[in-house]
PDB file of all heavy atoms in Angstrom:
ATOM      1  N   ALA A   1      18.197  71.185 107.232  1.00  0.00           N
ATOM      2  CA  ALA A   1      18.916  70.255 106.357  1.00  0.00           C
ATOM      3  C   ALA A   1      19.462  70.894 105.084  1.00  0.00           C
ATOM      4  O   ALA A   1      19.961  70.198 104.206  1.00  0.00           O
ATOM      5  CB  ALA A   1      17.989  69.100 105.981  1.00  0.00           C
ATOM      6  N   ALA A   2      19.393  72.215 104.971  1.00  0.00           N
ATOM      7  CA  ALA A   2      19.804  72.899 103.738  1.00  0.00           C
ATOM      8  C   ALA A   2      21.320  73.094 103.714  1.00  0.00           C
ATOM      9  O   ALA A   2      21.840  74.171 104.050  1.00  0.00           O
ATOM     10  CB  ALA A   2      19.089  74.240 103.617  1.00  0.00           C
ATOM     11  N   ILE A   3      22.040  72.062 103.284  1.00  0.00           N
ATOM     12  CA  ILE A   3      23.503  72.083 103.256  1.00  0.00           C
ATOM     13  C   ILE A   3      23.978  73.232 102.365  1.00  0.00           C
ATOM     14  O   ILE A   3      23.601  73.308 101.187  1.00  0.00           O
ATOM     15  CB  ILE A   3      24.053  70.754 102.715  1.00  0.00           C
ATOM     16  CG1 ILE A   3      23.546  69.580 103.561  1.00  0.00           C
ATOM     17  CG2 ILE A   3      25.577  70.770 102.686  1.00  0.00           C
ATOM     18  CD1 ILE A   3      23.883  68.221 102.974  1.00  0.00           C
ATOM     19  N   PRO A   4      24.798  74.147 102.880  1.00  0.00           N
ATOM     20  CA  PRO A   4      25.241  75.302 102.076  1.00  0.00           C
ATOM     21  C   PRO A   4      25.893  74.882 100.765  1.00  0.00           C
ATOM     22  O   PRO A   4      26.585  73.868 100.690  1.00  0.00           O
ATOM     23  CB  PRO A   4      26.259  75.993 103.003  1.00  0.00           C
ATOM     24  CG  PRO A   4      25.843  75.590 104.374  1.00  0.00           C
ATOM     25  CD  PRO A   4      25.333  74.183 104.254  1.00  0.00           C
ATOM     26  N   ILE A   5      25.654  75.650  99.733  1.00  0.00           N
ATOM     27  CA  ILE A   5      26.150  75.461  98.366  1.00  0.00           C
ATOM     28  C   ILE A   5      25.418  74.304  97.666  1.00  0.00           C
ATOM     29  O   ILE A   5      24.933  74.447  96.555  1.00  0.00           O
ATOM     30  CB  ILE A   5      27.671  75.209  98.311  1.00  0.00           C
ATOM     31  CG1 ILE A   5      28.431  76.398  98.918  1.00  0.00           C
ATOM     32  CG2 ILE A   5      28.125  74.983  96.857  1.00  0.00           C
ATOM     33  CD1 ILE A   5      29.929  76.185  98.978  1.00  0.00           C
ATOM     34  N   ILE A   6      25.315  73.161  98.337  1.00  0.00           N
ATOM     35  CA  ILE A   6      24.692  71.991  97.704  1.00  0.00           C
ATOM     36  C   ILE A   6      23.183  72.144  97.621  1.00  0.00           C
ATOM     37  O   ILE A   6      22.577  71.890  96.576  1.00  0.00           O
ATOM     38  CB  ILE A   6      25.073  70.709  98.464  1.00  0.00           C
ATOM     39  CG1 ILE A   6      26.583  70.516  98.438  1.00  0.00           C
ATOM     40  CG2 ILE A   6      24.380  69.494  97.850  1.00  0.00           C
ATOM     41  CD1 ILE A   6      27.064  69.347  99.260  1.00  0.00           C
ATOM     42  N   PHE A   7      22.535  72.551  98.723  1.00  0.00           N
ATOM     43  CA  PHE A   7      21.084  72.722  98.767  1.00  0.00           C
ATOM     44  C   PHE A   7      20.743  74.204  98.907  1.00  0.00           C
ATOM     45  O   PHE A   7      21.500  74.964  99.524  1.00  0.00           O
ATOM     46  CB  PHE A   7      20.467  71.965  99.942  1.00  0.00           C
ATOM     47  CG  PHE A   7      20.589  70.464  99.848  1.00  0.00           C
ATOM     48  CD1 PHE A   7      20.434  69.674 100.972  1.00  0.00           C
ATOM     49  CD2 PHE A   7      20.856  69.833  98.643  1.00  0.00           C
ATOM     50  CE1 PHE A   7      20.542  68.294 100.905  1.00  0.00           C
ATOM     51  CE2 PHE A   7      20.970  68.456  98.554  1.00  0.00           C
ATOM     52  CZ  PHE A   7      20.807  67.683  99.694  1.00  0.00           C
ATOM     53  N   PRO A   8      19.597  74.636  98.382  1.00  0.00           N
ATOM     54  CA  PRO A   8      19.216  76.042  98.496  1.00  0.00           C
ATOM     55  C   PRO A   8      18.794  76.408  99.911  1.00  0.00           C
ATOM     56  O   PRO A   8      18.289  75.573 100.669  1.00  0.00           O
ATOM     57  CB  PRO A   8      18.035  76.163  97.521  1.00  0.00           C
ATOM     58  CG  PRO A   8      17.447  74.791  97.476  1.00  0.00           C
ATOM     59  CD  PRO A   8      18.604  73.853  97.599  1.00  0.00           C
ATOM     60  N   ALA A   9      19.020  77.668 100.285  1.00  0.00           N
ATOM     61  CA  ALA A   9      18.546  78.177 101.563  1.00  0.00           C
ATOM     62  C   ALA A   9      17.021  78.112 101.601  1.00  0.00           C
ATOM     63  O   ALA A   9      16.359  78.109 100.563  1.00  0.00           O
ATOM     64  CB  ALA A   9      19.022  79.610 101.769  1.00  0.00           C
ATOM     65  N   VAL A  10      16.463  78.059 102.812  1.00  0.00           N
ATOM     66  CA  VAL A  10      15.015  77.946 102.989  1.00  0.00           C
ATOM     67  C   VAL A  10      14.511  79.181 103.724  1.00  0.00           C
ATOM     68  O   VAL A  10      15.093  79.589 104.747  1.00  0.00           O
ATOM     69  CB  VAL A  10      14.657  76.677 103.779  1.00  0.00           C
ATOM     70  CG1 VAL A  10      13.160  76.632 104.088  1.00  0.00           C
ATOM     71  CG2 VAL A  10      15.079  75.431 103.001  1.00  0.00           C
ATOM     72  N   GLU A  11      13.432  79.759 103.231  1.00  0.00           N
ATOM     73  CA  GLU A  11      12.846  80.922 103.891  1.00  0.00           C
ATOM     74  C   GLU A  11      11.837  80.464 104.938  1.00  0.00           C
ATOM     75  O   GLU A  11      10.865  79.784 104.629  1.00  0.00           O
ATOM     76  CB  GLU A  11      12.162  81.838 102.880  1.00  0.00           C
ATOM     77  CG  GLU A  11      11.633  83.118 103.515  1.00  0.00           C
ATOM     78  CD  GLU A  11      10.993  84.064 102.521  1.00  0.00           C
ATOM     79  OE1 GLU A  11      10.624  83.604 101.416  1.00  0.00           O
ATOM     80  OE2 GLU A  11      10.866  85.259 102.840  1.00  0.00           O
ATOM     81  N   VAL A  12      12.083  80.848 106.183  1.00  0.00           N
ATOM     82  CA  VAL A  12      11.172  80.557 107.285  1.00  0.00           C
ATOM     83  C   VAL A  12      10.322  81.799 107.535  1.00  0.00           C
ATOM     84  O   VAL A  12      10.868  82.900 107.682  1.00  0.00           O
ATOM     85  CB  VAL A  12      11.944  80.167 108.557  1.00  0.00           C
ATOM     86  CG1 VAL A  12      11.002  79.996 109.744  1.00  0.00           C
ATOM     87  CG2 VAL A  12      12.751  78.887 108.327  1.00  0.00           C
ATOM     88  N   THR A  13       9.015  81.644 107.568  1.00  0.00           N
ATOM     89  CA  THR A  13       8.122  82.789 107.774  1.00  0.00           C
ATOM     90  C   THR A  13       7.374  82.742 109.102  1.00  0.00           C
ATOM     91  O   THR A  13       6.776  83.736 109.506  1.00  0.00           O
ATOM     92  CB  THR A  13       7.096  82.873 106.629  1.00  0.00           C
ATOM     93  OG1 THR A  13       6.355  81.645 106.568  1.00  0.00           O
ATOM     94  CG2 THR A  13       7.788  83.105 105.295  1.00  0.00           C
ATOM     95  N   GLU A  14       7.397  81.593 109.781  1.00  0.00           N
ATOM     96  CA  GLU A  14       6.723  81.451 111.071  1.00  0.00           C
ATOM     97  C   GLU A  14       7.677  80.867 112.094  1.00  0.00           C
ATOM     98  O   GLU A  14       8.352  79.870 111.791  1.00  0.00           O
ATOM     99  CB  GLU A  14       5.488  80.528 110.929  1.00  0.00           C
ATOM    100  CG  GLU A  14       4.390  81.091 110.049  1.00  0.00           C
ATOM    101  CD  GLU A  14       3.717  82.310 110.654  1.00  0.00           C
ATOM    102  OE1 GLU A  14       3.791  82.473 111.900  1.00  0.00           O
ATOM    103  OE2 GLU A  14       3.133  83.085 109.897  1.00  0.00           O
ATOM    104  N   PRO A  15       7.731  81.489 113.274  1.00  0.00           N
ATOM    105  CA  PRO A  15       7.033  82.700 113.676  1.00  0.00           C
ATOM    106  C   PRO A  15       7.560  83.936 112.945  1.00  0.00           C
ATOM    107  O   PRO A  15       8.748  84.003 112.615  1.00  0.00           O
ATOM    108  CB  PRO A  15       7.292  82.789 115.178  1.00  0.00           C
ATOM    109  CG  PRO A  15       8.551  82.025 115.387  1.00  0.00           C
ATOM    110  CD  PRO A  15       8.556  80.927 114.378  1.00  0.00           C
ATOM    111  N   ALA A  16       6.680  84.892 112.739  1.00  0.00           N
ATOM    112  CA  ALA A  16       6.990  86.050 111.897  1.00  0.00           C
ATOM    113  C   ALA A  16       8.180  86.855 112.424  1.00  0.00           C
ATOM    114  O   ALA A  16       8.954  87.418 111.643  1.00  0.00           O
ATOM    115  CB  ALA A  16       5.754  86.941 111.781  1.00  0.00           C
ATOM    116  N   THR A  17       8.322  86.925 113.759  1.00  0.00           N
ATOM    117  CA  THR A  17       9.407  87.726 114.326  1.00  0.00           C
ATOM    118  C   THR A  17      10.783  87.118 114.035  1.00  0.00           C
ATOM    119  O   THR A  17      11.806  87.785 114.216  1.00  0.00           O
ATOM    120  CB  THR A  17       9.240  87.859 115.855  1.00  0.00           C
ATOM    121  OG1 THR A  17       9.068  86.557 116.423  1.00  0.00           O
ATOM    122  CG2 THR A  17       8.031  88.718 116.184  1.00  0.00           C
ATOM    123  N   TRP A  18      10.813  85.855 113.584  1.00  0.00           N
ATOM    124  CA  TRP A  18      12.075  85.196 113.258  1.00  0.00           C
ATOM    125  C   TRP A  18      12.134  84.816 111.779  1.00  0.00           C
ATOM    126  O   TRP A  18      12.893  83.926 111.385  1.00  0.00           O
ATOM    127  CB  TRP A  18      12.284  83.957 114.129  1.00  0.00           C
ATOM    128  CG  TRP A  18      12.606  84.327 115.543  1.00  0.00           C
ATOM    129  CD1 TRP A  18      11.714  84.588 116.543  1.00  0.00           C
ATOM    130  CD2 TRP A  18      13.905  84.527 116.093  1.00  0.00           C
ATOM    131  NE1 TRP A  18      12.363  84.928 117.690  1.00  0.00           N
ATOM    132  CE2 TRP A  18      13.715  84.900 117.453  1.00  0.00           C
ATOM    133  CE3 TRP A  18      15.196  84.431 115.585  1.00  0.00           C
ATOM    134  CZ2 TRP A  18      14.793  85.173 118.305  1.00  0.00           C
ATOM    135  CZ3 TRP A  18      16.278  84.700 116.431  1.00  0.00           C
ATOM    136  CH2 TRP A  18      16.062  85.068 117.770  1.00  0.00           C
ATOM    137  N   SER A  19      11.341  85.502 110.971  1.00  0.00           N
ATOM    138  CA  SER A  19      11.326  85.198 109.545  1.00  0.00           C
ATOM    139  C   SER A  19      12.677  85.563 108.922  1.00  0.00           C
ATOM    140  O   SER A  19      13.357  86.501 109.352  1.00  0.00           O
ATOM    141  CB  SER A  19      10.204  85.960 108.847  1.00  0.00           C
ATOM    142  OG  SER A  19      10.402  87.353 108.955  1.00  0.00           O
ATOM    143  N   GLY A  20      13.056  84.802 107.917  1.00  0.00           N
ATOM    144  CA  GLY A  20      14.326  85.039 107.247  1.00  0.00           C
ATOM    145  C   GLY A  20      14.796  83.796 106.537  1.00  0.00           C
ATOM    146  O   GLY A  20      14.091  82.792 106.437  1.00  0.00           O
ATOM    147  N   TRP A  21      16.026  83.848 106.036  1.00  0.00           N
ATOM    148  CA  TRP A  21      16.607  82.735 105.290  1.00  0.00           C
ATOM    149  C   TRP A  21      17.529  81.929 106.196  1.00  0.00           C
ATOM    150  O   TRP A  21      18.347  82.488 106.925  1.00  0.00           O
ATOM    151  CB  TRP A  21      17.377  83.244 104.079  1.00  0.00           C
ATOM    152  CG  TRP A  21      16.473  83.844 103.046  1.00  0.00           C
ATOM    153  CD1 TRP A  21      16.139  85.149 102.907  1.00  0.00           C
ATOM    154  CD2 TRP A  21      15.774  83.133 102.024  1.00  0.00           C
ATOM    155  NE1 TRP A  21      15.261  85.310 101.850  1.00  0.00           N
ATOM    156  CE2 TRP A  21      15.016  84.080 101.289  1.00  0.00           C
ATOM    157  CE3 TRP A  21      15.699  81.793 101.647  1.00  0.00           C
ATOM    158  CZ2 TRP A  21      14.220  83.744 100.211  1.00  0.00           C
ATOM    159  CZ3 TRP A  21      14.898  81.439 100.564  1.00  0.00           C
ATOM    160  CH2 TRP A  21      14.174  82.404  99.861  1.00  0.00           C
ATOM    161  N   TYR A  22      17.360  80.615 106.102  1.00  0.00           N
ATOM    162  CA  TYR A  22      18.107  79.717 106.980  1.00  0.00           C
ATOM    163  C   TYR A  22      18.770  78.595 106.184  1.00  0.00           C
ATOM    164  O   TYR A  22      18.310  78.220 105.098  1.00  0.00           O
ATOM    165  CB  TYR A  22      17.177  79.104 108.036  1.00  0.00           C
ATOM    166  CG  TYR A  22      16.674  80.102 109.046  1.00  0.00           C
ATOM    167  CD1 TYR A  22      15.568  80.910 108.775  1.00  0.00           C
ATOM    168  CD2 TYR A  22      17.310  80.254 110.274  1.00  0.00           C
ATOM    169  CE1 TYR A  22      15.101  81.833 109.694  1.00  0.00           C
ATOM    170  CE2 TYR A  22      16.857  81.178 111.208  1.00  0.00           C
ATOM    171  CZ  TYR A  22      15.755  81.955 110.914  1.00  0.00           C
ATOM    172  OH  TYR A  22      15.304  82.879 111.835  1.00  0.00           O
ATOM    173  N   GLY A  23      19.855  78.078 106.773  1.00  0.00           N
ATOM    174  CA  GLY A  23      20.564  76.957 106.175  1.00  0.00           C
ATOM    175  C   GLY A  23      20.870  75.894 107.210  1.00  0.00           C
ATOM    176  O   GLY A  23      20.421  75.957 108.364  1.00  0.00           O
ATOM    177  N   ASP A  24      21.658  74.942 106.817  1.00  0.00           N
ATOM    178  CA  ASP A  24      21.976  73.757 107.610  1.00  0.00           C
ATOM    179  C   ASP A  24      22.458  74.118 109.017  1.00  0.00           C
ATOM    180  O   ASP A  24      23.412  74.876 109.185  1.00  0.00           O
ATOM    181  CB  ASP A  24      23.065  72.970 106.888  1.00  0.00           C
ATOM    182  CG  ASP A  24      23.258  71.562 107.432  1.00  0.00           C
ATOM    183  OD1 ASP A  24      22.852  71.310 108.578  1.00  0.00           O
ATOM    184  OD2 ASP A  24      23.805  70.719 106.702  1.00  0.00           O
ATOM    185  N   GLY A  25      21.796  73.545 110.025  1.00  0.00           N
ATOM    186  CA  GLY A  25      22.210  73.782 111.399  1.00  0.00           C
ATOM    187  C   GLY A  25      23.577  73.237 111.693  1.00  0.00           C
ATOM    188  O   GLY A  25      24.258  73.681 112.638  1.00  0.00           O
ATOM    189  N   GLY A  26      24.034  72.265 110.897  1.00  0.00           N
ATOM    190  CA  GLY A  26      25.338  71.672 111.114  1.00  0.00           C
ATOM    191  C   GLY A  26      26.492  72.596 110.793  1.00  0.00           C
ATOM    192  O   GLY A  26      27.641  72.300 111.148  1.00  0.00           O
ATOM    193  N   ALA A  27      26.215  73.720 110.141  1.00  0.00           N
ATOM    194  CA  ALA A  27      27.285  74.667 109.830  1.00  0.00           C
ATOM    195  C   ALA A  27      27.936  75.195 111.107  1.00  0.00           C
ATOM    196  O   ALA A  27      29.115  75.525 111.131  1.00  0.00           O
ATOM    197  CB  ALA A  27      26.736  75.827 109.000  1.00  0.00           C
ATOM    198  N   ARG A  28      27.149  75.262 112.194  1.00  0.00           N
ATOM    199  CA  ARG A  28      27.684  75.744 113.464  1.00  0.00           C
ATOM    200  C   ARG A  28      27.468  74.766 114.616  1.00  0.00           C
ATOM    201  O   ARG A  28      28.218  74.765 115.582  1.00  0.00           O
ATOM    202  CB  ARG A  28      27.033  77.080 113.859  1.00  0.00           C
ATOM    203  CG  ARG A  28      27.380  78.255 112.967  1.00  0.00           C
ATOM    204  CD  ARG A  28      27.059  79.574 113.656  1.00  0.00           C
ATOM    205  NE  ARG A  28      27.972  79.819 114.772  1.00  0.00           N
ATOM    206  CZ  ARG A  28      27.662  79.603 116.045  1.00  0.00           C
ATOM    207  NH1 ARG A  28      26.479  79.125 116.374  1.00  0.00           N
ATOM    208  NH2 ARG A  28      28.537  79.851 116.988  1.00  0.00           N
ATOM    209  N   LEU A  29      26.425  73.950 114.535  1.00  0.00           N
ATOM    210  CA  LEU A  29      26.046  73.112 115.678  1.00  0.00           C
ATOM    211  C   LEU A  29      25.553  71.764 115.148  1.00  0.00           C
ATOM    212  O   LEU A  29      24.360  71.492 115.143  1.00  0.00           O
ATOM    213  CB  LEU A  29      24.949  73.818 116.484  1.00  0.00           C
ATOM    214  CG  LEU A  29      24.690  73.316 117.899  1.00  0.00           C
ATOM    215  CD1 LEU A  29      25.926  73.464 118.768  1.00  0.00           C
ATOM    216  CD2 LEU A  29      23.522  74.070 118.513  1.00  0.00           C
ATOM    217  N   ASN A  30      26.495  70.939 114.721  1.00  0.00           N
ATOM    218  CA  ASN A  30      26.111  69.683 114.089  1.00  0.00           C
ATOM    219  C   ASN A  30      25.537  68.678 115.081  1.00  0.00           C
ATOM    220  O   ASN A  30      24.679  67.879 114.731  1.00  0.00           O
ATOM    221  CB  ASN A  30      27.324  69.053 113.380  1.00  0.00           C
ATOM    222  CG  ASN A  30      26.906  67.932 112.463  1.00  0.00           C
ATOM    223  OD1 ASN A  30      26.058  68.117 111.595  1.00  0.00           O
ATOM    224  ND2 ASN A  30      27.486  66.753 112.649  1.00  0.00           N
ATOM    225  N   VAL A  31      26.018  68.712 116.317  1.00  0.00           N
ATOM    226  CA  VAL A  31      25.485  67.822 117.358  1.00  0.00           C
ATOM    227  C   VAL A  31      24.957  68.705 118.489  1.00  0.00           C
ATOM    228  O   VAL A  31      25.721  69.201 119.312  1.00  0.00           O
ATOM    229  CB  VAL A  31      26.570  66.866 117.884  1.00  0.00           C
ATOM    230  CG1 VAL A  31      25.962  65.886 118.885  1.00  0.00           C
ATOM    231  CG2 VAL A  31      27.219  66.098 116.734  1.00  0.00           C
ATOM    232  N   PRO A  32      23.641  68.941 118.529  1.00  0.00           N
ATOM    233  CA  PRO A  32      23.070  69.935 119.457  1.00  0.00           C
ATOM    234  C   PRO A  32      22.957  69.441 120.897  1.00  0.00           C
ATOM    235  O   PRO A  32      21.867  69.333 121.464  1.00  0.00           O
ATOM    236  CB  PRO A  32      21.693  70.219 118.853  1.00  0.00           C
ATOM    237  CG  PRO A  32      21.333  68.949 118.146  1.00  0.00           C
ATOM    238  CD  PRO A  32      22.631  68.395 117.607  1.00  0.00           C
ATOM    239  N   LEU A  33      24.100  69.160 121.507  1.00  0.00           N
ATOM    240  CA  LEU A  33      24.116  68.686 122.882  1.00  0.00           C
ATOM    241  C   LEU A  33      23.737  69.806 123.855  1.00  0.00           C
ATOM    242  O   LEU A  33      22.950  69.593 124.781  1.00  0.00           O
ATOM    243  CB  LEU A  33      25.504  68.122 123.199  1.00  0.00           C
ATOM    244  CG  LEU A  33      25.677  67.315 124.479  1.00  0.00           C
ATOM    245  CD1 LEU A  33      26.806  66.298 124.307  1.00  0.00           C
ATOM    246  CD2 LEU A  33      25.994  68.208 125.674  1.00  0.00           C
ATOM    247  N   GLN A  34      24.296  70.996 123.644  1.00  0.00           N
ATOM    248  CA  GLN A  34      23.993  72.113 124.536  1.00  0.00           C
ATOM    249  C   GLN A  34      22.502  72.475 124.536  1.00  0.00           C
ATOM    250  O   GLN A  34      21.919  72.667 125.613  1.00  0.00           O
ATOM    251  CB  GLN A  34      24.832  73.337 124.145  1.00  0.00           C
ATOM    252  CG  GLN A  34      24.701  74.518 125.097  1.00  0.00           C
ATOM    253  CD  GLN A  34      25.248  74.218 126.484  1.00  0.00           C
ATOM    254  OE1 GLN A  34      26.224  73.476 126.613  1.00  0.00           O
ATOM    255  NE2 GLN A  34      24.621  74.768 127.503  1.00  0.00           N
ATOM    256  N   PRO A  35      21.839  72.570 123.368  1.00  0.00           N
ATOM    257  CA  PRO A  35      20.392  72.831 123.399  1.00  0.00           C
ATOM    258  C   PRO A  35      19.608  71.783 124.179  1.00  0.00           C
ATOM    259  O   PRO A  35      18.627  72.118 124.868  1.00  0.00           O
ATOM    260  CB  PRO A  35      20.008  72.822 121.919  1.00  0.00           C
ATOM    261  CG  PRO A  35      21.245  73.279 121.228  1.00  0.00           C
ATOM    262  CD  PRO A  35      22.374  72.648 122.002  1.00  0.00           C
ATOM    263  N   ALA A  36      20.011  70.521 124.104  1.00  0.00           N
ATOM    264  CA  ALA A  36      19.311  69.483 124.859  1.00  0.00           C
ATOM    265  C   ALA A  36      19.391  69.758 126.353  1.00  0.00           C
ATOM    266  O   ALA A  36      18.403  69.621 127.089  1.00  0.00           O
ATOM    267  CB  ALA A  36      19.899  68.119 124.529  1.00  0.00           C
ATOM    268  N   LEU A  37      20.570  70.166 126.809  1.00  0.00           N
ATOM    269  CA  LEU A  37      20.732  70.484 128.225  1.00  0.00           C
ATOM    270  C   LEU A  37      19.876  71.686 128.620  1.00  0.00           C
ATOM    271  O   LEU A  37      19.233  71.692 129.674  1.00  0.00           O
ATOM    272  CB  LEU A  37      22.208  70.763 128.534  1.00  0.00           C
ATOM    273  CG  LEU A  37      23.164  69.569 128.411  1.00  0.00           C
ATOM    274  CD1 LEU A  37      24.613  70.033 128.568  1.00  0.00           C
ATOM    275  CD2 LEU A  37      22.842  68.507 129.445  1.00  0.00           C
ATOM    276  N   GLU A  38      19.857  72.701 127.757  1.00  0.00           N
ATOM    277  CA  GLU A  38      19.120  73.916 128.086  1.00  0.00           C
ATOM    278  C   GLU A  38      17.612  73.721 127.973  1.00  0.00           C
ATOM    279  O   GLU A  38      16.840  74.500 128.541  1.00  0.00           O
ATOM    280  CB  GLU A  38      19.617  75.067 127.206  1.00  0.00           C
ATOM    281  CG  GLU A  38      21.069  75.423 127.526  1.00  0.00           C
ATOM    282  CD  GLU A  38      21.612  76.587 126.718  1.00  0.00           C
ATOM    283  OE1 GLU A  38      20.895  77.112 125.845  1.00  0.00           O
ATOM    284  OE2 GLU A  38      22.777  76.962 126.945  1.00  0.00           O
ATOM    285  N   LEU A  39      17.188  72.685 127.257  1.00  0.00           N
ATOM    286  CA  LEU A  39      15.757  72.350 127.198  1.00  0.00           C
ATOM    287  C   LEU A  39      15.336  71.443 128.353  1.00  0.00           C
ATOM    288  O   LEU A  39      14.180  71.041 128.428  1.00  0.00           O
ATOM    289  CB  LEU A  39      15.425  71.689 125.858  1.00  0.00           C
ATOM    290  CG  LEU A  39      15.383  72.628 124.649  1.00  0.00           C
ATOM    291  CD1 LEU A  39      15.306  71.840 123.351  1.00  0.00           C
ATOM    292  CD2 LEU A  39      14.194  73.599 124.745  1.00  0.00           C
ATOM    293  N   GLY A  40      16.282  71.115 129.233  1.00  0.00           N
ATOM    294  CA  GLY A  40      15.925  70.407 130.455  1.00  0.00           C
ATOM    295  C   GLY A  40      16.447  68.996 130.598  1.00  0.00           C
ATOM    296  O   GLY A  40      16.038  68.272 131.518  1.00  0.00           O
ATOM    297  N   ALA A  41      17.354  68.572 129.731  1.00  0.00           N
ATOM    298  CA  ALA A  41      17.860  67.198 129.805  1.00  0.00           C
ATOM    299  C   ALA A  41      18.670  66.976 131.077  1.00  0.00           C
ATOM    300  O   ALA A  41      19.476  67.817 131.473  1.00  0.00           O
ATOM    301  CB  ALA A  41      18.720  66.880 128.590  1.00  0.00           C
ATOM    302  N   GLU A  42      18.446  65.811 131.692  1.00  0.00           N
ATOM    303  CA  GLU A  42      19.232  65.393 132.855  1.00  0.00           C
ATOM    304  C   GLU A  42      20.049  64.138 132.554  1.00  0.00           C
ATOM    305  O   GLU A  42      20.934  63.773 133.312  1.00  0.00           O
ATOM    306  CB  GLU A  42      18.297  65.145 134.033  1.00  0.00           C
ATOM    307  CG  GLU A  42      17.584  66.415 134.488  1.00  0.00           C
ATOM    308  CD  GLU A  42      16.447  66.145 135.444  1.00  0.00           C
ATOM    309  OE1 GLU A  42      15.405  65.612 135.013  1.00  0.00           O
ATOM    310  OE2 GLU A  42      16.611  66.457 136.641  1.00  0.00           O
TER     311      GLU A  42
END
């Protein structure tokens, strides 16, 4: 939910192999339809 410019980036530390700074998922994938399909949606 960290909207770029408006809200600060958030540091994710777990899982450690994916630690780093993250921002709003809507910047690239506002409606995650494809992930739902790949997670098994029918």
